[in-house]
Amino acid sequence: SWTLLGPVTKWPNAGKDYPNEIAQVNSIVRRASADWRSLKIFSPNGSEMRSHLSPTGLLFLALSDEAVSFEDFSRVLKS
């Protein structure tokens, strides 16, 4: 499943790691540059995790590799 981590303003500084834990899933949000679209989510071992950054600046995380695509997930929300 997917979960909302928050708006991009929650992670304002480029080059800084922001640790998170939600539903016993640890992750690190990292902003590569001043551009908010550079946000990525990594596991504690450094591998990139599945995420989605909305056009309005909301960052979502897939809690498992078995999660449906974000497009399928958001389609359910719209119905």
C-alpha atoms as a PDB file:
ATOM      1  CA  SER A   1       0.000   0.000   0.000  1.00  0.00           C
ATOM      2  CA  TRP A   2       0.959   3.656  -0.306  1.00  0.00           C
ATOM      3  CA  THR A   3       1.178   6.270   2.421  1.00  0.00           C
ATOM      4  CA  LEU A   4       1.451  10.036   2.409  1.00  0.00           C
ATOM      5  CA  LEU A   5       4.674  11.224   4.049  1.00  0.00           C
ATOM      6  CA  GLY A   6       3.836  14.906   3.716  1.00  0.00           C
ATOM      7  CA  PRO A   7       4.319  18.089   1.709  1.00  0.00           C
ATOM      8  CA  VAL A   8       7.733  18.936   0.240  1.00  0.00           C
ATOM      9  CA  THR A   9       8.116  21.790   2.744  1.00  0.00           C
ATOM     10  CA  LYS A  10       8.710  19.131   5.414  1.00  0.00           C
ATOM     11  CA  TRP A  11      12.178  18.514   3.899  1.00  0.00           C
ATOM     12  CA  PRO A  12      13.569  21.985   3.094  1.00  0.00           C
ATOM     13  CA  ASN A  13      17.349  21.470   3.049  1.00  0.00           C
ATOM     14  CA  ALA A  14      19.288  20.076   0.093  1.00  0.00           C
ATOM     15  CA  GLY A  15      21.833  17.396   0.933  1.00  0.00           C
ATOM     16  CA  LYS A  16      20.304  16.574   4.311  1.00  0.00           C
ATOM     17  CA  ASP A  17      18.952  13.151   5.278  1.00  0.00           C
ATOM     18  CA  TYR A  18      15.564  13.116   7.000  1.00  0.00           C
ATOM     19  CA  PRO A  19      14.922   9.756   8.711  1.00  0.00           C
ATOM     20  CA  ASN A  20      11.349   8.461   8.866  1.00  0.00           C
ATOM     21  CA  GLU A  21       9.556   5.469  10.302  1.00  0.00           C
ATOM     22  CA  ILE A  22       5.991   4.634   9.423  1.00  0.00           C
ATOM     23  CA  ALA A  23       4.246   1.284   9.922  1.00  0.00           C
ATOM     24  CA  GLN A  24       7.604  -0.183  11.012  1.00  0.00           C
ATOM     25  CA  VAL A  25       9.158   0.744   7.655  1.00  0.00           C
ATOM     26  CA  ASN A  26      12.304   2.850   8.029  1.00  0.00           C
ATOM     27  CA  SER A  27      13.219   5.286   5.286  1.00  0.00           C
ATOM     28  CA  ILE A  28      15.337   8.349   4.596  1.00  0.00           C
ATOM     29  CA  VAL A  29      14.038  11.297   2.595  1.00  0.00           C
ATOM     30  CA  ARG A  30      16.784  13.192   0.783  1.00  0.00           C
ATOM     31  CA  ARG A  31      16.524  16.402  -1.207  1.00  0.00           C
ATOM     32  CA  ALA A  32      19.340  16.525  -3.769  1.00  0.00           C
ATOM     33  CA  SER A  33      19.007  20.217  -4.665  1.00  0.00           C
ATOM     34  CA  ALA A  34      16.971  23.350  -3.986  1.00  0.00           C
ATOM     35  CA  ASP A  35      14.442  22.031  -6.518  1.00  0.00           C
ATOM     36  CA  TRP A  36      11.700  20.274  -4.524  1.00  0.00           C
ATOM     37  CA  ARG A  37      11.288  17.778  -7.368  1.00  0.00           C
ATOM     38  CA  SER A  38      14.691  16.322  -6.416  1.00  0.00           C
ATOM     39  CA  LEU A  39      13.220  14.551  -3.346  1.00  0.00           C
ATOM     40  CA  LYS A  40      13.870  10.797  -3.232  1.00  0.00           C
ATOM     41  CA  ILE A  41      13.309   8.156  -0.577  1.00  0.00           C
ATOM     42  CA  PHE A  42      15.941   5.585   0.376  1.00  0.00           C
ATOM     43  CA  SER A  43      16.023   2.543   2.623  1.00  0.00           C
ATOM     44  CA  PRO A  44      18.544   2.531   5.482  1.00  0.00           C
ATOM     45  CA  ASN A  45      20.841   0.368   3.300  1.00  0.00           C
ATOM     46  CA  GLY A  46      20.899   3.090   0.607  1.00  0.00           C
ATOM     47  CA  SER A  47      18.645   1.589  -2.060  1.00  0.00           C
ATOM     48  CA  GLU A  48      15.989   3.848  -3.541  1.00  0.00           C
ATOM     49  CA  MET A  49      12.434   3.073  -2.466  1.00  0.00           C
ATOM     50  CA  ARG A  50       9.306   3.414  -4.601  1.00  0.00           C
ATOM     51  CA  SER A  51       7.817   6.848  -4.207  1.00  0.00           C
ATOM     52  CA  HIS A  52       5.582   9.322  -5.960  1.00  0.00           C
ATOM     53  CA  LEU A  53       5.841  13.100  -5.875  1.00  0.00           C
ATOM     54  CA  SER A  54       2.581  14.755  -6.876  1.00  0.00           C
ATOM     55  CA  PRO A  55       2.444  17.896  -9.040  1.00  0.00           C
ATOM     56  CA  THR A  56       1.157  19.743  -5.967  1.00  0.00           C
ATOM     57  CA  GLY A  57       4.179  18.743  -3.851  1.00  0.00           C
ATOM     58  CA  LEU A  58       2.942  15.762  -1.834  1.00  0.00           C
ATOM     59  CA  LEU A  59       5.377  12.887  -1.270  1.00  0.00           C
ATOM     60  CA  PHE A  60       4.059   9.316  -1.098  1.00  0.00           C
ATOM     61  CA  LEU A  61       5.911   6.110  -0.193  1.00  0.00           C
ATOM     62  CA  ALA A  62       5.108   2.518  -1.196  1.00  0.00           C
ATOM     63  CA  LEU A  63       5.263   0.491   2.008  1.00  0.00           C
ATOM     64  CA  SER A  64       6.188  -2.710   0.170  1.00  0.00           C
ATOM     65  CA  ASP A  65       7.442  -3.870  -3.202  1.00  0.00           C
ATOM     66  CA  GLU A  66       4.120  -5.669  -3.687  1.00  0.00           C
ATOM     67  CA  ALA A  67       2.155  -2.394  -3.665  1.00  0.00           C
ATOM     68  CA  VAL A  68       0.190  -1.619  -6.818  1.00  0.00           C
ATOM     69  CA  SER A  69       1.407   1.215  -9.015  1.00  0.00           C
ATOM     70  CA  PHE A  70       0.684   4.692  -7.721  1.00  0.00           C
ATOM     71  CA  GLU A  71      -1.594   5.257 -10.714  1.00  0.00           C
ATOM     72  CA  ASP A  72      -3.744   2.264  -9.717  1.00  0.00           C
ATOM     73  CA  PHE A  73      -3.724   3.371  -6.079  1.00  0.00           C
ATOM     74  CA  SER A  74      -4.786   6.930  -6.903  1.00  0.00           C
ATOM     75  CA  ARG A  75      -7.534   5.672  -9.225  1.00  0.00           C
ATOM     76  CA  VAL A  76      -9.139   3.959  -6.213  1.00  0.00           C
ATOM     77  CA  LEU A  77      -8.941   7.226  -4.259  1.00  0.00           C
ATOM     78  CA  LYS A  78     -10.731   9.111  -7.029  1.00  0.00           C
ATOM     79  CA  SER A  79     -13.620   6.640  -7.258  1.00  0.00           C
END
